[in-house]
Amino acid sequence: MTGDTALRQIRELAKDSSRVIRTTHARERMIERGISIQQVFTCLRAGIIIEGPAPNAHGNWQVTMMARQSGDEITCVVVIDWETRLLIVTVY
């Protein structure tokens, strides 16, 4: 998968919030770091890929995305799960 293809797919899937799943780890890091779900969606819908795409240990494509919002830099590690949903692995 190319970066452009991954970015298009992430932005399309992120249009429907029911297709974005946060892992327990991601939820914990969001609370710990004061990152809102709105900031995560901004990262998914308007951010750039800074690492990947690369296949992960489970055979899915994984990327690291970054976006700046209101002076904050938000980074999300995202897995494209079988091209039907996004898994948020962690945020910082």
PDB file of N, CA and C in Angstrom:
ATOM      1  N   MET A   1       0.844  -1.176   0.000  1.00  0.00           N
ATOM      2  CA  MET A   1       0.000   0.000   0.000  1.00  0.00           C
ATOM      3  C   MET A   1       0.893   1.244   0.000  1.00  0.00           C
ATOM      4  N   THR A   2       0.538   2.216  -0.793  1.00  0.00           N
ATOM      5  CA  THR A   2       1.290   3.466  -0.846  1.00  0.00           C
ATOM      6  C   THR A   2       0.768   4.434   0.213  1.00  0.00           C
ATOM      7  N   GLY A   3       1.544   5.452   0.495  1.00  0.00           N
ATOM      8  CA  GLY A   3       1.124   6.473   1.449  1.00  0.00           C
ATOM      9  C   GLY A   3      -0.138   7.189   1.013  1.00  0.00           C
ATOM     10  N   ASP A   4      -0.227   7.502  -0.288  1.00  0.00           N
ATOM     11  CA  ASP A   4      -1.421   8.186  -0.798  1.00  0.00           C
ATOM     12  C   ASP A   4      -2.664   7.321  -0.655  1.00  0.00           C
ATOM     13  N   THR A   5      -2.537   6.045  -0.954  1.00  0.00           N
ATOM     14  CA  THR A   5      -3.671   5.131  -0.827  1.00  0.00           C
ATOM     15  C   THR A   5      -4.100   5.010   0.631  1.00  0.00           C
ATOM     16  N   ALA A   6      -3.130   4.872   1.525  1.00  0.00           N
ATOM     17  CA  ALA A   6      -3.438   4.763   2.956  1.00  0.00           C
ATOM     18  C   ALA A   6      -4.138   6.026   3.447  1.00  0.00           C
ATOM     19  N   LEU A   7      -3.635   7.186   3.058  1.00  0.00           N
ATOM     20  CA  LEU A   7      -4.222   8.445   3.504  1.00  0.00           C
ATOM     21  C   LEU A   7      -5.659   8.592   3.014  1.00  0.00           C
ATOM     22  N   ARG A   8      -5.907   8.260   1.753  1.00  0.00           N
ATOM     23  CA  ARG A   8      -7.272   8.319   1.227  1.00  0.00           C
ATOM     24  C   ARG A   8      -8.199   7.377   1.992  1.00  0.00           C
ATOM     25  N   GLN A   9      -7.719   6.170   2.242  1.00  0.00           N
ATOM     26  CA  GLN A   9      -8.538   5.184   2.942  1.00  0.00           C
ATOM     27  C   GLN A   9      -8.813   5.616   4.387  1.00  0.00           C
ATOM     28  N   ILE A  10      -7.820   6.130   5.079  1.00  0.00           N
ATOM     29  CA  ILE A  10      -8.000   6.601   6.450  1.00  0.00           C
ATOM     30  C   ILE A  10      -9.006   7.736   6.486  1.00  0.00           C
ATOM     31  N   ARG A  11      -8.862   8.692   5.616  1.00  0.00           N
ATOM     32  CA  ARG A  11      -9.790   9.833   5.605  1.00  0.00           C
ATOM     33  C   ARG A  11     -11.209   9.390   5.291  1.00  0.00           C
ATOM     34  N   GLU A  12     -11.365   8.431   4.388  1.00  0.00           N
ATOM     35  CA  GLU A  12     -12.706   7.927   4.060  1.00  0.00           C
ATOM     36  C   GLU A  12     -13.316   7.189   5.255  1.00  0.00           C
ATOM     37  N   LEU A  13     -12.548   6.299   5.880  1.00  0.00           N
ATOM     38  CA  LEU A  13     -13.061   5.549   7.026  1.00  0.00           C
ATOM     39  C   LEU A  13     -13.351   6.460   8.218  1.00  0.00           C
ATOM     40  N   ALA A  14     -12.555   7.512   8.402  1.00  0.00           N
ATOM     41  CA  ALA A  14     -12.725   8.421   9.540  1.00  0.00           C
ATOM     42  C   ALA A  14     -13.973   9.299   9.413  1.00  0.00           C
ATOM     43  N   LYS A  15     -14.594   9.326   8.235  1.00  0.00           N
ATOM     44  CA  LYS A  15     -15.845  10.078   8.079  1.00  0.00           C
ATOM     45  C   LYS A  15     -16.955   9.487   8.937  1.00  0.00           C
ATOM     46  N   ASP A  16     -16.879   8.187   9.211  1.00  0.00           N
ATOM     47  CA  ASP A  16     -17.889   7.475   9.995  1.00  0.00           C
ATOM     48  C   ASP A  16     -17.252   7.093  11.332  1.00  0.00           C
ATOM     49  N   SER A  17     -17.628   7.770  12.393  1.00  0.00           N
ATOM     50  CA  SER A  17     -16.993   7.553  13.698  1.00  0.00           C
ATOM     51  C   SER A  17     -17.168   6.124  14.209  1.00  0.00           C
ATOM     52  N   SER A  18     -18.199   5.413  13.745  1.00  0.00           N
ATOM     53  CA  SER A  18     -18.399   4.038  14.192  1.00  0.00           C
ATOM     54  C   SER A  18     -17.333   3.094  13.622  1.00  0.00           C
ATOM     55  N   ARG A  19     -16.568   3.562  12.661  1.00  0.00           N
ATOM     56  CA  ARG A  19     -15.514   2.741  12.055  1.00  0.00           C
ATOM     57  C   ARG A  19     -14.141   3.022  12.663  1.00  0.00           C
ATOM     58  N   VAL A  20     -14.111   3.860  13.708  1.00  0.00           N
ATOM     59  CA  VAL A  20     -12.858   4.202  14.381  1.00  0.00           C
ATOM     60  C   VAL A  20     -12.919   3.628  15.792  1.00  0.00           C
ATOM     61  N   ILE A  21     -12.024   2.688  16.085  1.00  0.00           N
ATOM     62  CA  ILE A  21     -12.000   1.993  17.351  1.00  0.00           C
ATOM     63  C   ILE A  21     -10.728   2.381  18.105  1.00  0.00           C
ATOM     64  N   ARG A  22     -10.898   2.785  19.357  1.00  0.00           N
ATOM     65  CA  ARG A  22      -9.739   3.102  20.201  1.00  0.00           C
ATOM     66  C   ARG A  22      -9.415   1.893  21.070  1.00  0.00           C
ATOM     67  N   THR A  23      -8.151   1.480  21.064  1.00  0.00           N
ATOM     68  CA  THR A  23      -7.740   0.406  21.964  1.00  0.00           C
ATOM     69  C   THR A  23      -7.762   0.932  23.393  1.00  0.00           C
ATOM     70  N   THR A  24      -7.745   0.018  24.336  1.00  0.00           N
ATOM     71  CA  THR A  24      -7.683   0.420  25.748  1.00  0.00           C
ATOM     72  C   THR A  24      -6.449   1.273  25.995  1.00  0.00           C
ATOM     73  N   HIS A  25      -5.339   0.878  25.397  1.00  0.00           N
ATOM     74  CA  HIS A  25      -4.103   1.650  25.550  1.00  0.00           C
ATOM     75  C   HIS A  25      -4.279   3.079  25.036  1.00  0.00           C
ATOM     76  N   ALA A  26      -4.897   3.230  23.883  1.00  0.00           N
ATOM     77  CA  ALA A  26      -5.108   4.564  23.314  1.00  0.00           C
ATOM     78  C   ALA A  26      -6.007   5.396  24.228  1.00  0.00           C
ATOM     79  N   ARG A  27      -7.065   4.803  24.758  1.00  0.00           N
ATOM     80  CA  ARG A  27      -7.962   5.531  25.680  1.00  0.00           C
ATOM     81  C   ARG A  27      -7.194   6.016  26.907  1.00  0.00           C
ATOM     82  N   GLU A  28      -6.372   5.137  27.461  1.00  0.00           N
ATOM     83  CA  GLU A  28      -5.581   5.502  28.640  1.00  0.00           C
ATOM     84  C   GLU A  28      -4.615   6.632  28.330  1.00  0.00           C
ATOM     85  N   ARG A  29      -3.953   6.567  27.172  1.00  0.00           N
ATOM     86  CA  ARG A  29      -2.996   7.622  26.801  1.00  0.00           C
ATOM     87  C   ARG A  29      -3.712   8.948  26.528  1.00  0.00           C
ATOM     88  N   MET A  30      -4.917   8.880  25.957  1.00  0.00           N
ATOM     89  CA  MET A  30      -5.682  10.106  25.716  1.00  0.00           C
ATOM     90  C   MET A  30      -5.983  10.808  27.038  1.00  0.00           C
ATOM     91  N   ILE A  31      -6.408  10.045  28.028  1.00  0.00           N
ATOM     92  CA  ILE A  31      -6.707  10.626  29.346  1.00  0.00           C
ATOM     93  C   ILE A  31      -5.429  11.168  29.970  1.00  0.00           C
ATOM     94  N   GLU A  32      -4.382  10.357  29.966  1.00  0.00           N
ATOM     95  CA  GLU A  32      -3.111  10.744  30.570  1.00  0.00           C
ATOM     96  C   GLU A  32      -2.537  12.014  29.956  1.00  0.00           C
ATOM     97  N   ARG A  33      -2.706  12.162  28.650  1.00  0.00           N
ATOM     98  CA  ARG A  33      -2.081  13.274  27.927  1.00  0.00           C
ATOM     99  C   ARG A  33      -3.045  14.406  27.592  1.00  0.00           C
ATOM    100  N   GLY A  34      -4.291  14.291  28.035  1.00  0.00           N
ATOM    101  CA  GLY A  34      -5.267  15.352  27.806  1.00  0.00           C
ATOM    102  C   GLY A  34      -5.625  15.550  26.345  1.00  0.00           C
ATOM    103  N   ILE A  35      -5.702  14.456  25.602  1.00  0.00           N
ATOM    104  CA  ILE A  35      -6.033  14.512  24.177  1.00  0.00           C
ATOM    105  C   ILE A  35      -7.487  14.110  23.999  1.00  0.00           C
ATOM    106  N   SER A  36      -8.259  14.943  23.325  1.00  0.00           N
ATOM    107  CA  SER A  36      -9.685  14.681  23.135  1.00  0.00           C
ATOM    108  C   SER A  36      -9.929  13.830  21.886  1.00  0.00           C
ATOM    109  N   ILE A  37     -11.101  13.241  21.831  1.00  0.00           N
ATOM    110  CA  ILE A  37     -11.470  12.452  20.652  1.00  0.00           C
ATOM    111  C   ILE A  37     -11.570  13.363  19.421  1.00  0.00           C
ATOM    112  N   GLN A  38     -11.953  14.616  19.619  1.00  0.00           N
ATOM    113  CA  GLN A  38     -12.009  15.556  18.499  1.00  0.00           C
ATOM    114  C   GLN A  38     -10.614  15.775  17.913  1.00  0.00           C
ATOM    115  N   GLN A  39      -9.609  15.846  18.775  1.00  0.00           N
ATOM    116  CA  GLN A  39      -8.244  16.014  18.287  1.00  0.00           C
ATOM    117  C   GLN A  39      -7.783  14.774  17.513  1.00  0.00           C
ATOM    118  N   VAL A  40      -8.189  13.593  17.973  1.00  0.00           N
ATOM    119  CA  VAL A  40      -7.850  12.368  17.263  1.00  0.00           C
ATOM    120  C   VAL A  40      -8.491  12.383  15.873  1.00  0.00           C
ATOM    121  N   PHE A  41      -9.772  12.784  15.802  1.00  0.00           N
ATOM    122  CA  PHE A  41     -10.437  12.825  14.493  1.00  0.00           C
ATOM    123  C   PHE A  41      -9.820  13.885  13.587  1.00  0.00           C
ATOM    124  N   THR A  42      -9.377  14.995  14.132  1.00  0.00           N
ATOM    125  CA  THR A  42      -8.670  15.987  13.322  1.00  0.00           C
ATOM    126  C   THR A  42      -7.401  15.377  12.742  1.00  0.00           C
ATOM    127  N   CYS A  43      -6.695  14.616  13.550  1.00  0.00           N
ATOM    128  CA  CYS A  43      -5.479  13.959  13.075  1.00  0.00           C
ATOM    129  C   CYS A  43      -5.805  13.000  11.935  1.00  0.00           C
ATOM    130  N   LEU A  44      -6.877  12.218  12.091  1.00  0.00           N
ATOM    131  CA  LEU A  44      -7.252  11.247  11.061  1.00  0.00           C
ATOM    132  C   LEU A  44      -7.763  11.909   9.790  1.00  0.00           C
ATOM    133  N   ARG A  45      -8.538  12.955   9.943  1.00  0.00           N
ATOM    134  CA  ARG A  45      -9.207  13.571   8.793  1.00  0.00           C
ATOM    135  C   ARG A  45      -8.378  14.620   8.080  1.00  0.00           C
ATOM    136  N   ALA A  46      -7.397  15.218   8.786  1.00  0.00           N
ATOM    137  CA  ALA A  46      -6.641  16.309   8.167  1.00  0.00           C
ATOM    138  C   ALA A  46      -5.133  16.187   8.345  1.00  0.00           C
ATOM    139  N   GLY A  47      -4.684  15.177   9.076  1.00  0.00           N
ATOM    140  CA  GLY A  47      -3.266  15.024   9.352  1.00  0.00           C
ATOM    141  C   GLY A  47      -2.488  14.454   8.174  1.00  0.00           C
ATOM    142  N   ILE A  48      -1.200  14.316   8.405  1.00  0.00           N
ATOM    143  CA  ILE A  48      -0.307  13.748   7.398  1.00  0.00           C
ATOM    144  C   ILE A  48       0.325  12.471   7.954  1.00  0.00           C
ATOM    145  N   ILE A  49       0.719  11.589   7.059  1.00  0.00           N
ATOM    146  CA  ILE A  49       1.422  10.379   7.462  1.00  0.00           C
ATOM    147  C   ILE A  49       2.895  10.723   7.615  1.00  0.00           C
ATOM    148  N   ILE A  50       3.444  10.420   8.799  1.00  0.00           N
ATOM    149  CA  ILE A  50       4.865  10.699   9.032  1.00  0.00           C
ATOM    150  C   ILE A  50       5.695   9.412   9.089  1.00  0.00           C
ATOM    151  N   GLU A  51       5.017   8.260   9.155  1.00  0.00           N
ATOM    152  CA  GLU A  51       5.715   6.982   9.133  1.00  0.00           C
ATOM    153  C   GLU A  51       4.790   5.914   8.556  1.00  0.00           C
ATOM    154  N   GLY A  52       5.325   5.100   7.666  1.00  0.00           N
ATOM    155  CA  GLY A  52       4.535   4.026   7.068  1.00  0.00           C
ATOM    156  C   GLY A  52       3.945   4.487   5.746  1.00  0.00           C
ATOM    157  N   PRO A  53       3.055   3.704   5.208  1.00  0.00           N
ATOM    158  CA  PRO A  53       2.462   2.493   5.763  1.00  0.00           C
ATOM    159  C   PRO A  53       3.411   1.299   5.710  1.00  0.00           C
ATOM    160  N   ALA A  54       3.247   0.459   6.733  1.00  0.00           N
ATOM    161  CA  ALA A  54       4.025  -0.771   6.814  1.00  0.00           C
ATOM    162  C   ALA A  54       3.141  -1.852   7.413  1.00  0.00           C
ATOM    163  N   PRO A  55       3.334  -3.096   7.000  1.00  0.00           N
ATOM    164  CA  PRO A  55       2.538  -4.166   7.593  1.00  0.00           C
ATOM    165  C   PRO A  55       2.954  -4.389   9.050  1.00  0.00           C
ATOM    166  N   ASN A  56       1.958  -4.617   9.921  1.00  0.00           N
ATOM    167  CA  ASN A  56       2.276  -4.888  11.326  1.00  0.00           C
ATOM    168  C   ASN A  56       2.308  -6.401  11.556  1.00  0.00           C
ATOM    169  N   ALA A  57       2.473  -6.811  12.797  1.00  0.00           N
ATOM    170  CA  ALA A  57       2.604  -8.230  13.145  1.00  0.00           C
ATOM    171  C   ALA A  57       1.339  -9.033  12.852  1.00  0.00           C
ATOM    172  N   HIS A  58       0.202  -8.358  12.720  1.00  0.00           N
ATOM    173  CA  HIS A  58      -1.074  -9.037  12.470  1.00  0.00           C
ATOM    174  C   HIS A  58      -1.454  -9.034  10.988  1.00  0.00           C
ATOM    175  N   GLY A  59      -0.579  -8.498  10.140  1.00  0.00           N
ATOM    176  CA  GLY A  59      -0.841  -8.496   8.703  1.00  0.00           C
ATOM    177  C   GLY A  59      -1.666  -7.315   8.213  1.00  0.00           C
ATOM    178  N   ASN A  60      -1.894  -6.328   9.066  1.00  0.00           N
ATOM    179  CA  ASN A  60      -2.632  -5.121   8.669  1.00  0.00           C
ATOM    180  C   ASN A  60      -1.638  -3.989   8.409  1.00  0.00           C
ATOM    181  N   TRP A  61      -2.098  -2.974   7.693  1.00  0.00           N
ATOM    182  CA  TRP A  61      -1.253  -1.814   7.418  1.00  0.00           C
ATOM    183  C   TRP A  61      -1.316  -0.849   8.590  1.00  0.00           C
ATOM    184  N   GLN A  62      -0.162  -0.313   8.970  1.00  0.00           N
ATOM    185  CA  GLN A  62      -0.070   0.608  10.098  1.00  0.00           C
ATOM    186  C   GLN A  62       0.664   1.867   9.672  1.00  0.00           C
ATOM    187  N   VAL A  63       0.180   2.998  10.165  1.00  0.00           N
ATOM    188  CA  VAL A  63       0.817   4.291   9.888  1.00  0.00           C
ATOM    189  C   VAL A  63       0.885   5.106  11.176  1.00  0.00           C
ATOM    190  N   THR A  64       1.763   6.083  11.168  1.00  0.00           N
ATOM    191  CA  THR A  64       1.801   7.096  12.215  1.00  0.00           C
ATOM    192  C   THR A  64       1.428   8.413  11.551  1.00  0.00           C
ATOM    193  N   MET A  65       0.428   9.082  12.127  1.00  0.00           N
ATOM    194  CA  MET A  65      -0.061  10.343  11.566  1.00  0.00           C
ATOM    195  C   MET A  65       0.171  11.477  12.551  1.00  0.00           C
ATOM    196  N   MET A  66       0.277  12.688  12.026  1.00  0.00           N
ATOM    197  CA  MET A  66       0.476  13.867  12.850  1.00  0.00           C
ATOM    198  C   MET A  66      -0.361  15.017  12.316  1.00  0.00           C
ATOM    199  N   ALA A  67      -0.890  15.808  13.251  1.00  0.00           N
ATOM    200  CA  ALA A  67      -1.621  17.025  12.881  1.00  0.00           C
ATOM    201  C   ALA A  67      -1.373  18.076  13.949  1.00  0.00           C
ATOM    202  N   ARG A  68      -1.418  19.324  13.547  1.00  0.00           N
ATOM    203  CA  ARG A  68      -1.319  20.439  14.498  1.00  0.00           C
ATOM    204  C   ARG A  68      -2.695  21.066  14.625  1.00  0.00           C
ATOM    205  N   GLN A  69      -3.101  21.288  15.876  1.00  0.00           N
ATOM    206  CA  GLN A  69      -4.413  21.882  16.127  1.00  0.00           C
ATOM    207  C   GLN A  69      -4.298  22.805  17.331  1.00  0.00           C
ATOM    208  N   SER A  70      -4.638  24.058  17.137  1.00  0.00           N
ATOM    209  CA  SER A  70      -4.613  25.055  18.217  1.00  0.00           C
ATOM    210  C   SER A  70      -3.275  25.066  18.951  1.00  0.00           C
ATOM    211  N   GLY A  71      -2.201  24.964  18.208  1.00  0.00           N
ATOM    212  CA  GLY A  71      -0.875  25.010  18.799  1.00  0.00           C
ATOM    213  C   GLY A  71      -0.367  23.693  19.357  1.00  0.00           C
ATOM    214  N   ASP A  72      -1.223  22.666  19.373  1.00  0.00           N
ATOM    215  CA  ASP A  72      -0.815  21.348  19.863  1.00  0.00           C
ATOM    216  C   ASP A  72      -0.482  20.437  18.683  1.00  0.00           C
ATOM    217  N   GLU A  73       0.525  19.610  18.867  1.00  0.00           N
ATOM    218  CA  GLU A  73       0.871  18.604  17.871  1.00  0.00           C
ATOM    219  C   GLU A  73       0.362  17.258  18.378  1.00  0.00           C
ATOM    220  N   ILE A  74      -0.523  16.644  17.627  1.00  0.00           N
ATOM    221  CA  ILE A  74      -1.131  15.365  17.991  1.00  0.00           C
ATOM    222  C   ILE A  74      -0.597  14.300  17.049  1.00  0.00           C
ATOM    223  N   THR A  75      -0.154  13.183  17.606  1.00  0.00           N
ATOM    224  CA  THR A  75       0.331  12.063  16.808  1.00  0.00           C
ATOM    225  C   THR A  75      -0.485  10.827  17.163  1.00  0.00           C
ATOM    226  N   CYS A  76      -0.909  10.090  16.149  1.00  0.00           N
ATOM    227  CA  CYS A  76      -1.702   8.873  16.324  1.00  0.00           C
ATOM    228  C   CYS A  76      -1.066   7.731  15.557  1.00  0.00           C
ATOM    229  N   VAL A  77      -0.974   6.579  16.204  1.00  0.00           N
ATOM    230  CA  VAL A  77      -0.581   5.356  15.507  1.00  0.00           C
ATOM    231  C   VAL A  77      -1.875   4.647  15.156  1.00  0.00           C
ATOM    232  N   VAL A  78      -2.056   4.392  13.857  1.00  0.00           N
ATOM    233  CA  VAL A  78      -3.325   3.903  13.326  1.00  0.00           C
ATOM    234  C   VAL A  78      -3.102   2.629  12.518  1.00  0.00           C
ATOM    235  N   VAL A  79      -3.993   1.656  12.726  1.00  0.00           N
ATOM    236  CA  VAL A  79      -3.979   0.425  11.945  1.00  0.00           C
ATOM    237  C   VAL A  79      -5.221   0.404  11.065  1.00  0.00           C
ATOM    238  N   ILE A  80      -5.026   0.126   9.787  1.00  0.00           N
ATOM    239  CA  ILE A  80      -6.154  -0.068   8.872  1.00  0.00           C
ATOM    240  C   ILE A  80      -6.515  -1.547   8.968  1.00  0.00           C
ATOM    241  N   ASP A  81      -7.607  -1.834   9.637  1.00  0.00           N
ATOM    242  CA  ASP A  81      -8.014  -3.201   9.926  1.00  0.00           C
ATOM    243  C   ASP A  81      -8.918  -3.730   8.815  1.00  0.00           C
ATOM    244  N   TRP A  82      -8.337  -4.541   7.944  1.00  0.00           N
ATOM    245  CA  TRP A  82      -9.066  -5.191   6.844  1.00  0.00           C
ATOM    246  C   TRP A  82      -9.847  -4.211   5.978  1.00  0.00           C
ATOM    247  N   GLU A  83      -9.362  -2.988   5.897  1.00  0.00           N
ATOM    248  CA  GLU A  83      -9.950  -1.949   5.037  1.00  0.00           C
ATOM    249  C   GLU A  83     -11.403  -1.634   5.378  1.00  0.00           C
ATOM    250  N   THR A  84     -11.832  -1.982   6.616  1.00  0.00           N
ATOM    251  CA  THR A  84     -13.208  -1.692   7.014  1.00  0.00           C
ATOM    252  C   THR A  84     -13.298  -0.814   8.243  1.00  0.00           C
ATOM    253  N   ARG A  85     -12.193  -0.727   9.003  1.00  0.00           N
ATOM    254  CA  ARG A  85     -12.202   0.125  10.190  1.00  0.00           C
ATOM    255  C   ARG A  85     -10.779   0.535  10.530  1.00  0.00           C
ATOM    256  N   LEU A  86     -10.692   1.525  11.407  1.00  0.00           N
ATOM    257  CA  LEU A  86      -9.397   2.008  11.875  1.00  0.00           C
ATOM    258  C   LEU A  86      -9.257   1.686  13.354  1.00  0.00           C
ATOM    259  N   LEU A  87      -8.094   1.199  13.749  1.00  0.00           N
ATOM    260  CA  LEU A  87      -7.788   0.971  15.153  1.00  0.00           C
ATOM    261  C   LEU A  87      -6.759   2.008  15.592  1.00  0.00           C
ATOM    262  N   ILE A  88      -7.109   2.770  16.605  1.00  0.00           N
ATOM    263  CA  ILE A  88      -6.165   3.732  17.163  1.00  0.00           C
ATOM    264  C   ILE A  88      -5.349   2.986  18.216  1.00  0.00           C
ATOM    265  N   VAL A  89      -4.058   2.818  17.980  1.00  0.00           N
ATOM    266  CA  VAL A  89      -3.202   2.057  18.879  1.00  0.00           C
ATOM    267  C   VAL A  89      -2.730   2.903  20.041  1.00  0.00           C
ATOM    268  N   THR A  90      -2.273   4.111  19.743  1.00  0.00           N
ATOM    269  CA  THR A  90      -1.828   5.032  20.785  1.00  0.00           C
ATOM    270  C   THR A  90      -1.858   6.456  20.250  1.00  0.00           C
ATOM    271  N   VAL A  91      -1.810   7.413  21.154  1.00  0.00           N
ATOM    272  CA  VAL A  91      -1.768   8.827  20.786  1.00  0.00           C
ATOM    273  C   VAL A  91      -0.777   9.543  21.691  1.00  0.00           C
ATOM    274  N   TYR A  92      -0.129  10.567  21.147  1.00  0.00           N
ATOM    275  CA  TYR A  92       0.759  11.400  21.943  1.00  0.00           C
ATOM    276  C   TYR A  92       0.891  12.744  21.319  1.00  0.00           C
TER     277      TYR A  92
END
